[in-house]
Amino acid sequence: MFWTPELATYLEDAPWPATKEELLDYCNRTGAPMQVIDNLMELDDTEEQTYEGIEDIWPEYEAASDDMFFNDDDDMNDY
């Protein structure tokens, strides 16, 4: 599985808590990129497994999303 903050944003509005099948259905309905669907397909196939949020799927999400906008303020001053 390869996650980036950009890919994870496709799951921010997902119907949490959700099963793997519910997440796959959500991503198919909302037009998420194939990489997001591929990542979800790699999750365990336990029928009763429920994920409470993106952090259950990608534990580093919070740290990665904090870094995503690291230098935005500095870049805006250059214009």
PDB file of N, CA and C in Angstrom:
ATOM      1  N   MET A   1       0.827  -1.172   0.000  1.00  0.00           N
ATOM      2  CA  MET A   1       0.000   0.000   0.000  1.00  0.00           C
ATOM      3  C   MET A   1       0.877   1.243   0.000  1.00  0.00           C
ATOM      4  N   PHE A   2       0.522   2.173  -0.826  1.00  0.00           N
ATOM      5  CA  PHE A   2       1.245   3.436  -0.904  1.00  0.00           C
ATOM      6  C   PHE A   2       0.239   4.566  -0.776  1.00  0.00           C
ATOM      7  N   TRP A   3       0.301   5.281   0.337  1.00  0.00           N
ATOM      8  CA  TRP A   3      -0.616   6.401   0.580  1.00  0.00           C
ATOM      9  C   TRP A   3       0.147   7.710   0.524  1.00  0.00           C
ATOM     10  N   THR A   4      -0.525   8.732   0.064  1.00  0.00           N
ATOM     11  CA  THR A   4      -0.023  10.101   0.125  1.00  0.00           C
ATOM     12  C   THR A   4      -1.146  10.934   0.735  1.00  0.00           C
ATOM     13  N   PRO A   5      -0.842  12.115   1.243  1.00  0.00           N
ATOM     14  CA  PRO A   5      -1.915  12.966   1.768  1.00  0.00           C
ATOM     15  C   PRO A   5      -2.981  13.262   0.714  1.00  0.00           C
ATOM     16  N   GLU A   6      -2.565  13.415  -0.545  1.00  0.00           N
ATOM     17  CA  GLU A   6      -3.523  13.700  -1.610  1.00  0.00           C
ATOM     18  C   GLU A   6      -4.485  12.531  -1.805  1.00  0.00           C
ATOM     19  N   LEU A   7      -3.967  11.301  -1.782  1.00  0.00           N
ATOM     20  CA  LEU A   7      -4.828  10.132  -1.928  1.00  0.00           C
ATOM     21  C   LEU A   7      -5.755   9.980  -0.727  1.00  0.00           C
ATOM     22  N   ALA A   8      -5.239  10.244   0.451  1.00  0.00           N
ATOM     23  CA  ALA A   8      -6.035  10.090   1.669  1.00  0.00           C
ATOM     24  C   ALA A   8      -7.204  11.072   1.716  1.00  0.00           C
ATOM     25  N   THR A   9      -7.089  12.204   1.049  1.00  0.00           N
ATOM     26  CA  THR A   9      -8.187  13.177   1.074  1.00  0.00           C
ATOM     27  C   THR A   9      -9.461  12.618   0.451  1.00  0.00           C
ATOM     28  N   TYR A  10      -9.328  11.627  -0.410  1.00  0.00           N
ATOM     29  CA  TYR A  10     -10.509  11.011  -1.016  1.00  0.00           C
ATOM     30  C   TYR A  10     -11.327  10.224   0.003  1.00  0.00           C
ATOM     31  N   LEU A  11     -10.749   9.948   1.171  1.00  0.00           N
ATOM     32  CA  LEU A  11     -11.459   9.207   2.214  1.00  0.00           C
ATOM     33  C   LEU A  11     -11.910  10.093   3.367  1.00  0.00           C
ATOM     34  N   GLU A  12     -11.604  11.371   3.331  1.00  0.00           N
ATOM     35  CA  GLU A  12     -11.950  12.257   4.446  1.00  0.00           C
ATOM     36  C   GLU A  12     -13.448  12.296   4.717  1.00  0.00           C
ATOM     37  N   ASP A  13     -14.264  12.276   3.687  1.00  0.00           N
ATOM     38  CA  ASP A  13     -15.715  12.349   3.861  1.00  0.00           C
ATOM     39  C   ASP A  13     -16.394  10.989   3.780  1.00  0.00           C
ATOM     40  N   ALA A  14     -15.613   9.937   3.873  1.00  0.00           N
ATOM     41  CA  ALA A  14     -16.178   8.578   3.823  1.00  0.00           C
ATOM     42  C   ALA A  14     -17.101   8.357   5.022  1.00  0.00           C
ATOM     43  N   PRO A  15     -18.030   7.422   4.901  1.00  0.00           N
ATOM     44  CA  PRO A  15     -18.992   7.179   5.989  1.00  0.00           C
ATOM     45  C   PRO A  15     -18.377   6.366   7.128  1.00  0.00           C
ATOM     46  N   TRP A  16     -17.554   6.991   7.930  1.00  0.00           N
ATOM     47  CA  TRP A  16     -16.887   6.308   9.047  1.00  0.00           C
ATOM     48  C   TRP A  16     -17.865   6.066  10.174  1.00  0.00           C
ATOM     49  N   PRO A  17     -17.758   4.995  10.922  1.00  0.00           N
ATOM     50  CA  PRO A  17     -16.936   3.806  10.680  1.00  0.00           C
ATOM     51  C   PRO A  17     -17.452   3.040   9.468  1.00  0.00           C
ATOM     52  N   ALA A  18     -16.530   2.324   8.814  1.00  0.00           N
ATOM     53  CA  ALA A  18     -16.884   1.628   7.581  1.00  0.00           C
ATOM     54  C   ALA A  18     -16.074   0.354   7.425  1.00  0.00           C
ATOM     55  N   THR A  19     -16.655  -0.589   6.718  1.00  0.00           N
ATOM     56  CA  THR A  19     -15.947  -1.818   6.375  1.00  0.00           C
ATOM     57  C   THR A  19     -15.175  -1.587   5.083  1.00  0.00           C
ATOM     58  N   LYS A  20     -14.344  -2.528   4.736  1.00  0.00           N
ATOM     59  CA  LYS A  20     -13.592  -2.448   3.488  1.00  0.00           C
ATOM     60  C   LYS A  20     -14.549  -2.313   2.306  1.00  0.00           C
ATOM     61  N   GLU A  21     -15.590  -3.130   2.278  1.00  0.00           N
ATOM     62  CA  GLU A  21     -16.551  -3.088   1.173  1.00  0.00           C
ATOM     63  C   GLU A  21     -17.268  -1.737   1.085  1.00  0.00           C
ATOM     64  N   GLU A  22     -17.623  -1.175   2.224  1.00  0.00           N
ATOM     65  CA  GLU A  22     -18.277   0.134   2.235  1.00  0.00           C
ATOM     66  C   GLU A  22     -17.341   1.220   1.710  1.00  0.00           C
ATOM     67  N   LEU A  23     -16.060   1.147   2.082  1.00  0.00           N
ATOM     68  CA  LEU A  23     -15.089   2.122   1.592  1.00  0.00           C
ATOM     69  C   LEU A  23     -14.875   1.985   0.092  1.00  0.00           C
ATOM     70  N   LEU A  24     -14.799   0.744  -0.396  1.00  0.00           N
ATOM     71  CA  LEU A  24     -14.651   0.522  -1.832  1.00  0.00           C
ATOM     72  C   LEU A  24     -15.860   1.063  -2.590  1.00  0.00           C
ATOM     73  N   ASP A  25     -17.047   0.816  -2.058  1.00  0.00           N
ATOM     74  CA  ASP A  25     -18.263   1.323  -2.685  1.00  0.00           C
ATOM     75  C   ASP A  25     -18.252   2.848  -2.717  1.00  0.00           C
ATOM     76  N   TYR A  26     -17.884   3.470  -1.598  1.00  0.00           N
ATOM     77  CA  TYR A  26     -17.817   4.930  -1.513  1.00  0.00           C
ATOM     78  C   TYR A  26     -16.835   5.492  -2.553  1.00  0.00           C
ATOM     79  N   CYS A  27     -15.660   4.888  -2.645  1.00  0.00           N
ATOM     80  CA  CYS A  27     -14.645   5.383  -3.585  1.00  0.00           C
ATOM     81  C   CYS A  27     -15.090   5.207  -5.033  1.00  0.00           C
ATOM     82  N   ASN A  28     -15.760   4.108  -5.326  1.00  0.00           N
ATOM     83  CA  ASN A  28     -16.270   3.910  -6.685  1.00  0.00           C
ATOM     84  C   ASN A  28     -17.341   4.939  -7.029  1.00  0.00           C
ATOM     85  N   ARG A  29     -18.219   5.240  -6.085  1.00  0.00           N
ATOM     86  CA  ARG A  29     -19.294   6.215  -6.330  1.00  0.00           C
ATOM     87  C   ARG A  29     -18.782   7.639  -6.449  1.00  0.00           C
ATOM     88  N   THR A  30     -17.699   7.958  -5.737  1.00  0.00           N
ATOM     89  CA  THR A  30     -17.201   9.336  -5.741  1.00  0.00           C
ATOM     90  C   THR A  30     -16.093   9.578  -6.761  1.00  0.00           C
ATOM     91  N   GLY A  31     -15.688   8.539  -7.484  1.00  0.00           N
ATOM     92  CA  GLY A  31     -14.678   8.715  -8.520  1.00  0.00           C
ATOM     93  C   GLY A  31     -13.262   8.868  -8.001  1.00  0.00           C
ATOM     94  N   ALA A  32     -12.945   8.183  -6.925  1.00  0.00           N
ATOM     95  CA  ALA A  32     -11.581   8.228  -6.381  1.00  0.00           C
ATOM     96  C   ALA A  32     -10.612   7.590  -7.375  1.00  0.00           C
ATOM     97  N   PRO A  33      -9.364   8.032  -7.377  1.00  0.00           N
ATOM     98  CA  PRO A  33      -8.375   7.450  -8.288  1.00  0.00           C
ATOM     99  C   PRO A  33      -8.187   5.949  -8.034  1.00  0.00           C
ATOM    100  N   MET A  34      -7.753   5.251  -9.060  1.00  0.00           N
ATOM    101  CA  MET A  34      -7.552   3.806  -8.966  1.00  0.00           C
ATOM    102  C   MET A  34      -6.553   3.448  -7.867  1.00  0.00           C
ATOM    103  N   GLN A  35      -5.569   4.294  -7.599  1.00  0.00           N
ATOM    104  CA  GLN A  35      -4.578   4.011  -6.547  1.00  0.00           C
ATOM    105  C   GLN A  35      -5.255   3.899  -5.180  1.00  0.00           C
ATOM    106  N   VAL A  36      -6.274   4.708  -4.919  1.00  0.00           N
ATOM    107  CA  VAL A  36      -7.006   4.635  -3.648  1.00  0.00           C
ATOM    108  C   VAL A  36      -7.731   3.288  -3.565  1.00  0.00           C
ATOM    109  N   ILE A  37      -8.391   2.906  -4.641  1.00  0.00           N
ATOM    110  CA  ILE A  37      -9.114   1.629  -4.673  1.00  0.00           C
ATOM    111  C   ILE A  37      -8.139   0.464  -4.530  1.00  0.00           C
ATOM    112  N   ASP A  38      -7.011   0.530  -5.219  1.00  0.00           N
ATOM    113  CA  ASP A  38      -5.993  -0.527  -5.089  1.00  0.00           C
ATOM    114  C   ASP A  38      -5.499  -0.642  -3.654  1.00  0.00           C
ATOM    115  N   ASN A  39      -5.274   0.501  -3.000  1.00  0.00           N
ATOM    116  CA  ASN A  39      -4.825   0.482  -1.603  1.00  0.00           C
ATOM    117  C   ASN A  39      -5.869  -0.171  -0.703  1.00  0.00           C
ATOM    118  N   LEU A  40      -7.138   0.140  -0.932  1.00  0.00           N
ATOM    119  CA  LEU A  40      -8.195  -0.456  -0.119  1.00  0.00           C
ATOM    120  C   LEU A  40      -8.316  -1.958  -0.382  1.00  0.00           C
ATOM    121  N   MET A  41      -8.080  -2.373  -1.609  1.00  0.00           N
ATOM    122  CA  MET A  41      -8.145  -3.798  -1.943  1.00  0.00           C
ATOM    123  C   MET A  41      -7.095  -4.605  -1.184  1.00  0.00           C
ATOM    124  N   GLU A  42      -6.003  -3.960  -0.792  1.00  0.00           N
ATOM    125  CA  GLU A  42      -4.938  -4.643  -0.064  1.00  0.00           C
ATOM    126  C   GLU A  42      -5.239  -4.815   1.420  1.00  0.00           C
ATOM    127  N   LEU A  43      -6.328  -4.225   1.912  1.00  0.00           N
ATOM    128  CA  LEU A  43      -6.696  -4.385   3.317  1.00  0.00           C
ATOM    129  C   LEU A  43      -7.118  -5.818   3.586  1.00  0.00           C
ATOM    130  N   ASP A  44      -7.058  -6.237   4.855  1.00  0.00           N
ATOM    131  CA  ASP A  44      -7.493  -7.576   5.236  1.00  0.00           C
ATOM    132  C   ASP A  44      -8.928  -7.819   4.794  1.00  0.00           C
ATOM    133  N   ASP A  45      -9.215  -9.055   4.444  1.00  0.00           N
ATOM    134  CA  ASP A  45     -10.551  -9.411   3.961  1.00  0.00           C
ATOM    135  C   ASP A  45     -11.474  -9.915   5.060  1.00  0.00           C
ATOM    136  N   THR A  46     -11.276  -9.463   6.271  1.00  0.00           N
ATOM    137  CA  THR A  46     -12.143  -9.852   7.364  1.00  0.00           C
ATOM    138  C   THR A  46     -13.477  -9.130   7.201  1.00  0.00           C
ATOM    139  N   GLU A  47     -14.569  -9.897   7.118  1.00  0.00           N
ATOM    140  CA  GLU A  47     -15.885  -9.302   6.888  1.00  0.00           C
ATOM    141  C   GLU A  47     -16.320  -8.352   7.997  1.00  0.00           C
ATOM    142  N   GLU A  48     -15.977  -8.665   9.219  1.00  0.00           N
ATOM    143  CA  GLU A  48     -16.437  -7.872  10.354  1.00  0.00           C
ATOM    144  C   GLU A  48     -15.507  -6.723  10.715  1.00  0.00           C
ATOM    145  N   GLN A  49     -14.371  -6.597  10.032  1.00  0.00           N
ATOM    146  CA  GLN A  49     -13.409  -5.531  10.327  1.00  0.00           C
ATOM    147  C   GLN A  49     -14.031  -4.175  10.008  1.00  0.00           C
ATOM    148  N   THR A  50     -14.075  -3.307  10.994  1.00  0.00           N
ATOM    149  CA  THR A  50     -14.595  -1.955  10.810  1.00  0.00           C
ATOM    150  C   THR A  50     -13.472  -0.968  11.075  1.00  0.00           C
ATOM    151  N   TYR A  51     -13.336  -0.010  10.193  1.00  0.00           N
ATOM    152  CA  TYR A  51     -12.322   1.032  10.313  1.00  0.00           C
ATOM    153  C   TYR A  51     -13.008   2.299  10.807  1.00  0.00           C
ATOM    154  N   GLU A  52     -12.444   2.899  11.847  1.00  0.00           N
ATOM    155  CA  GLU A  52     -13.025   4.097  12.460  1.00  0.00           C
ATOM    156  C   GLU A  52     -12.648   5.375  11.735  1.00  0.00           C
ATOM    157  N   GLY A  53     -11.551   5.349  10.999  1.00  0.00           N
ATOM    158  CA  GLY A  53     -11.080   6.529  10.285  1.00  0.00           C
ATOM    159  C   GLY A  53      -9.866   6.186   9.450  1.00  0.00           C
ATOM    160  N   ILE A  54      -9.380   7.151   8.693  1.00  0.00           N
ATOM    161  CA  ILE A  54      -8.226   6.928   7.824  1.00  0.00           C
ATOM    162  C   ILE A  54      -7.001   6.502   8.629  1.00  0.00           C
ATOM    163  N   GLU A  55      -6.924   6.921   9.890  1.00  0.00           N
ATOM    164  CA  GLU A  55      -5.779   6.556  10.725  1.00  0.00           C
ATOM    165  C   GLU A  55      -5.716   5.048  10.965  1.00  0.00           C
ATOM    166  N   ASP A  56      -6.846   4.347  10.920  1.00  0.00           N
ATOM    167  CA  ASP A  56      -6.855   2.886  11.063  1.00  0.00           C
ATOM    168  C   ASP A  56      -6.271   2.206   9.836  1.00  0.00           C
ATOM    169  N   ILE A  57      -6.349   2.874   8.708  1.00  0.00           N
ATOM    170  CA  ILE A  57      -5.836   2.313   7.459  1.00  0.00           C
ATOM    171  C   ILE A  57      -4.398   2.756   7.225  1.00  0.00           C
ATOM    172  N   TRP A  58      -4.133   4.021   7.489  1.00  0.00           N
ATOM    173  CA  TRP A  58      -2.802   4.615   7.285  1.00  0.00           C
ATOM    174  C   TRP A  58      -2.429   5.374   8.556  1.00  0.00           C
ATOM    175  N   PRO A  59      -1.754   4.698   9.507  1.00  0.00           N
ATOM    176  CA  PRO A  59      -1.452   5.305  10.811  1.00  0.00           C
ATOM    177  C   PRO A  59      -0.652   6.611  10.730  1.00  0.00           C
ATOM    178  N   GLU A  60       0.115   6.812   9.696  1.00  0.00           N
ATOM    179  CA  GLU A  60       0.929   8.026   9.567  1.00  0.00           C
ATOM    180  C   GLU A  60       0.155   9.193   8.970  1.00  0.00           C
ATOM    181  N   TYR A  61      -1.137   9.046   8.748  1.00  0.00           N
ATOM    182  CA  TYR A  61      -1.931  10.076   8.067  1.00  0.00           C
ATOM    183  C   TYR A  61      -1.841  11.438   8.733  1.00  0.00           C
ATOM    184  N   GLU A  62      -2.019  11.496  10.037  1.00  0.00           N
ATOM    185  CA  GLU A  62      -2.039  12.792  10.723  1.00  0.00           C
ATOM    186  C   GLU A  62      -0.715  13.528  10.551  1.00  0.00           C
ATOM    187  N   ALA A  63       0.396  12.822  10.715  1.00  0.00           N
ATOM    188  CA  ALA A  63       1.706  13.456  10.552  1.00  0.00           C
ATOM    189  C   ALA A  63       1.922  13.883   9.104  1.00  0.00           C
ATOM    190  N   ALA A  64       1.504  13.068   8.162  1.00  0.00           N
ATOM    191  CA  ALA A  64       1.679  13.398   6.747  1.00  0.00           C
ATOM    192  C   ALA A  64       0.815  14.581   6.346  1.00  0.00           C
ATOM    193  N   SER A  65      -0.402  14.653   6.857  1.00  0.00           N
ATOM    194  CA  SER A  65      -1.264  15.773   6.488  1.00  0.00           C
ATOM    195  C   SER A  65      -0.783  17.075   7.112  1.00  0.00           C
ATOM    196  N   ASP A  66      -0.143  17.008   8.279  1.00  0.00           N
ATOM    197  CA  ASP A  66       0.433  18.209   8.885  1.00  0.00           C
ATOM    198  C   ASP A  66       1.587  18.739   8.052  1.00  0.00           C
ATOM    199  N   ASP A  67       2.376  17.853   7.454  1.00  0.00           N
ATOM    200  CA  ASP A  67       3.517  18.244   6.638  1.00  0.00           C
ATOM    201  C   ASP A  67       3.107  18.740   5.259  1.00  0.00           C
ATOM    202  N   MET A  68       1.897  18.431   4.833  1.00  0.00           N
ATOM    203  CA  MET A  68       1.467  18.750   3.484  1.00  0.00           C
ATOM    204  C   MET A  68       1.498  20.256   3.206  1.00  0.00           C
ATOM    205  N   PHE A  69       1.204  21.068   4.174  1.00  0.00           N
ATOM    206  CA  PHE A  69       1.156  22.511   3.988  1.00  0.00           C
ATOM    207  C   PHE A  69       2.289  23.211   4.724  1.00  0.00           C
ATOM    208  N   PHE A  70       3.408  22.562   4.847  1.00  0.00           N
ATOM    209  CA  PHE A  70       4.516  23.043   5.664  1.00  0.00           C
ATOM    210  C   PHE A  70       4.956  24.452   5.324  1.00  0.00           C
ATOM    211  N   ASN A  71       5.259  24.771   4.083  1.00  0.00           N
ATOM    212  CA  ASN A  71       5.804  26.073   3.719  1.00  0.00           C
ATOM    213  C   ASN A  71       4.842  26.939   2.919  1.00  0.00           C
ATOM    214  N   ASP A  72       3.556  26.710   3.021  1.00  0.00           N
ATOM    215  CA  ASP A  72       2.601  27.488   2.243  1.00  0.00           C
ATOM    216  C   ASP A  72       2.682  28.979   2.541  1.00  0.00           C
ATOM    217  N   ASP A  73       2.869  29.392   3.785  1.00  0.00           N
ATOM    218  CA  ASP A  73       2.935  30.807   4.131  1.00  0.00           C
ATOM    219  C   ASP A  73       4.159  31.471   3.509  1.00  0.00           C
ATOM    220  N   ASP A  74       5.287  30.780   3.518  1.00  0.00           N
ATOM    221  CA  ASP A  74       6.486  31.342   2.931  1.00  0.00           C
ATOM    222  C   ASP A  74       6.349  31.509   1.431  1.00  0.00           C
ATOM    223  N   ASP A  75       5.690  30.534   0.775  1.00  0.00           N
ATOM    224  CA  ASP A  75       5.532  30.597  -0.673  1.00  0.00           C
ATOM    225  C   ASP A  75       4.621  31.763  -1.071  1.00  0.00           C
ATOM    226  N   MET A  76       3.633  32.080  -0.285  1.00  0.00           N
ATOM    227  CA  MET A  76       2.708  33.163  -0.610  1.00  0.00           C
ATOM    228  C   MET A  76       3.387  34.525  -0.555  1.00  0.00           C
ATOM    229  N   ASN A  77       4.423  34.683   0.262  1.00  0.00           N
ATOM    230  CA  ASN A  77       5.120  35.951   0.377  1.00  0.00           C
ATOM    231  C   ASN A  77       6.017  36.238  -0.814  1.00  0.00           C
ATOM    232  N   ASP A  78       6.270  35.244  -1.647  1.00  0.00           N
ATOM    233  CA  ASP A  78       7.145  35.425  -2.805  1.00  0.00           C
ATOM    234  C   ASP A  78       6.445  36.131  -3.959  1.00  0.00           C
ATOM    235  N   TYR A  79       5.137  36.275  -3.904  1.00  0.00           N
ATOM    236  CA  TYR A  79       4.405  36.849  -5.043  1.00  0.00           C
ATOM    237  C   TYR A  79       4.164  38.313  -4.884  1.00  0.00           C
TER     238      TYR A  79
END
